[in-house]
């Protein structure tokens, strides 16, 4: 199997909202080798997702996404998008 990796220095991802969907997106990005920037209302020391076993999800918590973020994934409920 040939896996093509894009230069990760140029690919920066941001996620707004770290609920059920946001944490799943962050987990998938971690599996692809990325640690996304995350804007969320609640900050915790660790983020865990369970698929049969526990997996720690690596994220960079920020108050505002850096200007270098190329892709932003919005994972909030519709009524929370007023400020986005």
N, C-alpha and C. Protein backbone atom coordinates (compact mmCIF):
# COMPACT_ATOMS: atom_id res chain seq x y z
N UNK A 1 0.85 -1.17 0.00
CA UNK A 1 0.00 0.00 0.00
C UNK A 1 0.89 1.23 0.00
N UNK A 2 0.63 2.13 -0.91
CA UNK A 2 1.38 3.38 -1.01
C UNK A 2 0.61 4.48 -0.30
N UNK A 3 1.23 5.10 0.67
CA UNK A 3 0.60 6.20 1.40
C UNK A 3 1.34 7.48 1.04
N UNK A 4 0.62 8.42 0.51
CA UNK A 4 1.18 9.71 0.13
C UNK A 4 0.98 10.70 1.26
N UNK A 5 2.02 11.28 1.76
CA UNK A 5 1.92 12.27 2.84
C UNK A 5 2.21 13.66 2.28
N UNK A 6 1.34 14.60 2.57
CA UNK A 6 1.56 15.98 2.19
C UNK A 6 2.49 16.60 3.21
N UNK A 7 3.32 17.53 2.80
CA UNK A 7 4.22 18.22 3.72
C UNK A 7 3.41 18.80 4.87
N UNK A 8 3.56 18.20 6.04
CA UNK A 8 2.72 18.58 7.17
C UNK A 8 3.04 19.97 7.69
N UNK A 9 4.18 20.52 7.33
CA UNK A 9 4.51 21.88 7.73
C UNK A 9 3.60 22.90 7.06
N UNK A 10 3.05 22.55 5.91
CA UNK A 10 2.19 23.48 5.17
C UNK A 10 0.71 23.25 5.44
N UNK A 11 0.36 22.10 5.96
CA UNK A 11 -1.05 21.75 6.19
C UNK A 11 -1.38 21.97 7.66
N UNK A 12 -2.15 23.01 7.94
CA UNK A 12 -2.58 23.27 9.31
C UNK A 12 -4.09 23.22 9.35
N UNK A 13 -4.62 22.47 10.30
CA UNK A 13 -6.05 22.31 10.45
C UNK A 13 -6.53 22.99 11.72
N UNK A 14 -7.73 23.53 11.66
CA UNK A 14 -8.37 24.10 12.83
C UNK A 14 -9.75 23.49 12.99
N UNK A 15 -10.17 23.30 14.22
CA UNK A 15 -11.51 22.78 14.51
C UNK A 15 -12.16 23.76 15.47
N UNK A 16 -13.38 24.16 15.16
CA UNK A 16 -14.16 25.00 16.06
C UNK A 16 -15.24 24.11 16.66
N UNK A 17 -15.15 23.89 17.96
CA UNK A 17 -16.08 23.02 18.67
C UNK A 17 -15.46 21.65 18.88
N UNK A 18 -15.46 21.19 20.11
CA UNK A 18 -14.85 19.90 20.42
C UNK A 18 -15.84 19.00 21.15
N UNK A 19 -17.06 18.94 20.60
CA UNK A 19 -18.06 18.01 21.12
C UNK A 19 -17.87 16.66 20.48
N UNK A 20 -18.94 15.93 20.27
CA UNK A 20 -18.87 14.59 19.70
C UNK A 20 -18.27 14.57 18.31
N UNK A 21 -18.68 15.49 17.45
CA UNK A 21 -18.17 15.53 16.07
C UNK A 21 -16.75 16.09 16.03
N UNK A 22 -16.50 17.18 16.75
CA UNK A 22 -15.18 17.80 16.75
C UNK A 22 -14.09 16.88 17.26
N UNK A 23 -14.37 16.14 18.33
CA UNK A 23 -13.37 15.22 18.89
C UNK A 23 -13.09 14.08 17.92
N UNK A 24 -14.14 13.63 17.21
CA UNK A 24 -13.96 12.57 16.21
C UNK A 24 -13.08 13.07 15.05
N UNK A 25 -13.33 14.29 14.58
CA UNK A 25 -12.50 14.87 13.52
C UNK A 25 -11.04 15.01 13.98
N UNK A 26 -10.85 15.46 15.22
CA UNK A 26 -9.49 15.60 15.76
C UNK A 26 -8.80 14.23 15.83
N UNK A 27 -9.54 13.21 16.23
CA UNK A 27 -8.99 11.85 16.30
C UNK A 27 -8.55 11.37 14.92
N UNK A 28 -9.39 11.59 13.91
CA UNK A 28 -9.04 11.19 12.54
C UNK A 28 -7.80 11.96 12.05
N UNK A 29 -7.72 13.24 12.37
CA UNK A 29 -6.55 14.03 11.99
C UNK A 29 -5.30 13.52 12.70
N UNK A 30 -5.42 13.15 13.98
CA UNK A 30 -4.29 12.56 14.70
C UNK A 30 -3.81 11.30 14.02
N UNK A 31 -4.76 10.45 13.60
CA UNK A 31 -4.40 9.21 12.91
C UNK A 31 -3.67 9.48 11.60
N UNK A 32 -3.96 10.62 10.97
CA UNK A 32 -3.29 11.00 9.73
C UNK A 32 -1.97 11.73 9.98
N UNK A 33 -1.64 11.95 11.26
CA UNK A 33 -0.37 12.58 11.60
C UNK A 33 -0.44 14.07 11.89
N UNK A 34 -1.65 14.62 12.07
CA UNK A 34 -1.82 16.04 12.33
C UNK A 34 -2.32 16.29 13.74
N UNK A 35 -1.90 17.40 14.32
CA UNK A 35 -2.42 17.86 15.61
C UNK A 35 -3.12 19.18 15.32
N UNK A 36 -4.46 19.18 15.32
CA UNK A 36 -5.19 20.39 14.93
C UNK A 36 -5.23 21.44 16.04
N UNK A 37 -5.38 22.69 15.61
CA UNK A 37 -5.68 23.77 16.53
C UNK A 37 -7.18 23.70 16.82
N UNK A 38 -7.56 23.94 18.06
CA UNK A 38 -8.96 23.83 18.45
C UNK A 38 -9.40 25.04 19.24
N UNK A 39 -10.56 25.59 18.85
CA UNK A 39 -11.23 26.64 19.61
C UNK A 39 -12.46 26.01 20.24
N UNK A 40 -12.54 26.04 21.55
CA UNK A 40 -13.67 25.44 22.26
C UNK A 40 -13.96 26.25 23.52
N UNK A 41 -15.19 26.16 23.98
CA UNK A 41 -15.57 26.92 25.18
C UNK A 41 -15.00 26.31 26.45
N UNK A 42 -14.92 24.99 26.50
CA UNK A 42 -14.44 24.32 27.71
C UNK A 42 -13.07 23.71 27.45
N UNK A 43 -12.16 23.92 28.38
CA UNK A 43 -10.80 23.40 28.26
C UNK A 43 -10.59 22.33 29.33
N UNK A 44 -10.04 21.19 28.92
CA UNK A 44 -9.73 20.11 29.85
C UNK A 44 -8.27 19.74 29.69
N UNK A 45 -7.72 19.05 30.66
CA UNK A 45 -6.32 18.64 30.61
C UNK A 45 -6.06 17.57 29.56
N UNK A 46 -7.02 16.66 29.38
CA UNK A 46 -6.87 15.57 28.41
C UNK A 46 -8.18 15.38 27.67
N UNK A 47 -8.07 14.93 26.43
CA UNK A 47 -9.26 14.59 25.64
C UNK A 47 -9.13 13.13 25.23
N UNK A 48 -10.15 12.35 25.56
CA UNK A 48 -10.14 10.91 25.33
C UNK A 48 -11.32 10.54 24.46
N UNK A 49 -11.09 9.62 23.51
CA UNK A 49 -12.18 9.06 22.72
C UNK A 49 -12.09 7.54 22.87
N UNK A 50 -13.23 6.88 22.92
CA UNK A 50 -13.24 5.43 23.13
C UNK A 50 -13.81 4.71 21.91
N UNK A 51 -12.99 3.83 21.33
CA UNK A 51 -13.40 2.90 20.29
C UNK A 51 -12.96 1.53 20.77
N UNK A 52 -13.72 0.94 21.67
CA UNK A 52 -13.30 -0.33 22.26
C UNK A 52 -12.23 -0.11 23.31
N UNK A 53 -11.27 0.71 23.00
CA UNK A 53 -10.23 1.09 23.96
C UNK A 53 -10.09 2.60 23.94
N UNK A 54 -9.40 3.14 24.92
CA UNK A 54 -9.25 4.59 25.00
C UNK A 54 -8.11 5.08 24.12
N UNK A 55 -8.34 6.20 23.45
CA UNK A 55 -7.32 6.87 22.65
C UNK A 55 -7.26 8.32 23.09
N UNK A 56 -6.07 8.78 23.45
CA UNK A 56 -5.92 10.20 23.79
C UNK A 56 -5.85 11.00 22.50
N UNK A 57 -6.64 12.07 22.43
CA UNK A 57 -6.68 12.93 21.25
C UNK A 57 -5.78 14.13 21.52
N UNK A 58 -4.83 14.35 20.62
CA UNK A 58 -3.88 15.46 20.76
C UNK A 58 -4.42 16.67 20.01
N UNK A 59 -4.54 17.79 20.70
CA UNK A 59 -5.01 19.04 20.10
C UNK A 59 -4.18 20.19 20.68
N UNK A 60 -4.18 21.31 19.95
CA UNK A 60 -3.56 22.54 20.44
C UNK A 60 -4.71 23.51 20.72
N UNK A 61 -4.99 23.75 21.99
CA UNK A 61 -6.09 24.65 22.37
C UNK A 61 -5.66 26.10 22.20
N UNK A 62 -6.49 26.87 21.51
CA UNK A 62 -6.21 28.29 21.28
C UNK A 62 -7.51 29.08 21.44
N UNK A 63 -7.38 30.38 21.67
CA UNK A 63 -8.56 31.23 21.73
C UNK A 63 -8.97 31.71 20.35
N UNK A 64 -8.00 31.77 19.43
CA UNK A 64 -8.25 32.21 18.06
C UNK A 64 -7.34 31.39 17.15
N UNK A 65 -7.87 30.93 16.01
CA UNK A 65 -7.07 30.12 15.10
C UNK A 65 -5.95 30.96 14.50
N UNK A 66 -4.74 30.41 14.41
CA UNK A 66 -3.63 31.13 13.80
C UNK A 66 -3.91 31.42 12.33
N UNK A 67 -3.28 32.44 11.80
CA UNK A 67 -3.51 32.84 10.41
C UNK A 67 -3.02 31.78 9.42
N UNK A 68 -2.13 30.90 9.83
CA UNK A 68 -1.60 29.87 8.94
C UNK A 68 -2.50 28.66 8.77
N UNK A 69 -3.62 28.61 9.49
CA UNK A 69 -4.53 27.47 9.36
C UNK A 69 -5.14 27.48 7.96
N UNK A 70 -4.95 26.36 7.26
CA UNK A 70 -5.42 26.28 5.88
C UNK A 70 -6.86 25.77 5.79
N UNK A 71 -7.24 24.85 6.66
CA UNK A 71 -8.58 24.26 6.65
C UNK A 71 -9.21 24.39 8.02
N UNK A 72 -10.43 24.90 8.07
CA UNK A 72 -11.16 25.03 9.33
C UNK A 72 -12.41 24.16 9.26
N UNK A 73 -12.56 23.30 10.24
CA UNK A 73 -13.72 22.41 10.33
C UNK A 73 -14.63 22.95 11.44
N UNK A 74 -15.84 23.32 11.10
CA UNK A 74 -16.77 23.87 12.08
C UNK A 74 -17.67 22.76 12.57
N UNK A 75 -17.55 22.44 13.86
CA UNK A 75 -18.27 21.31 14.44
C UNK A 75 -19.07 21.77 15.65
N UNK A 76 -19.96 22.73 15.42
CA UNK A 76 -20.82 23.22 16.49
C UNK A 76 -22.28 23.11 16.05
N UNK A 77 -23.16 23.20 16.99
CA UNK A 77 -24.59 23.20 16.66
C UNK A 77 -24.95 24.53 16.01
N UNK A 78 -25.99 24.55 15.21
CA UNK A 78 -26.36 25.71 14.43
C UNK A 78 -26.55 26.96 15.30
N UNK A 79 -27.15 26.82 16.47
CA UNK A 79 -27.39 28.00 17.31
C UNK A 79 -26.11 28.55 17.91
N UNK A 80 -25.00 27.84 17.81
CA UNK A 80 -23.72 28.34 18.31
C UNK A 80 -22.92 29.07 17.24
N UNK A 81 -23.44 29.18 16.02
CA UNK A 81 -22.66 29.76 14.93
C UNK A 81 -22.82 31.26 14.82
N UNK A 82 -23.56 31.90 15.69
CA UNK A 82 -23.77 33.35 15.62
C UNK A 82 -22.43 34.09 15.64
N UNK A 83 -21.50 33.63 16.48
CA UNK A 83 -20.22 34.31 16.60
C UNK A 83 -19.13 33.78 15.69
N UNK A 84 -19.44 32.83 14.82
CA UNK A 84 -18.40 32.23 13.95
C UNK A 84 -18.30 33.00 12.67
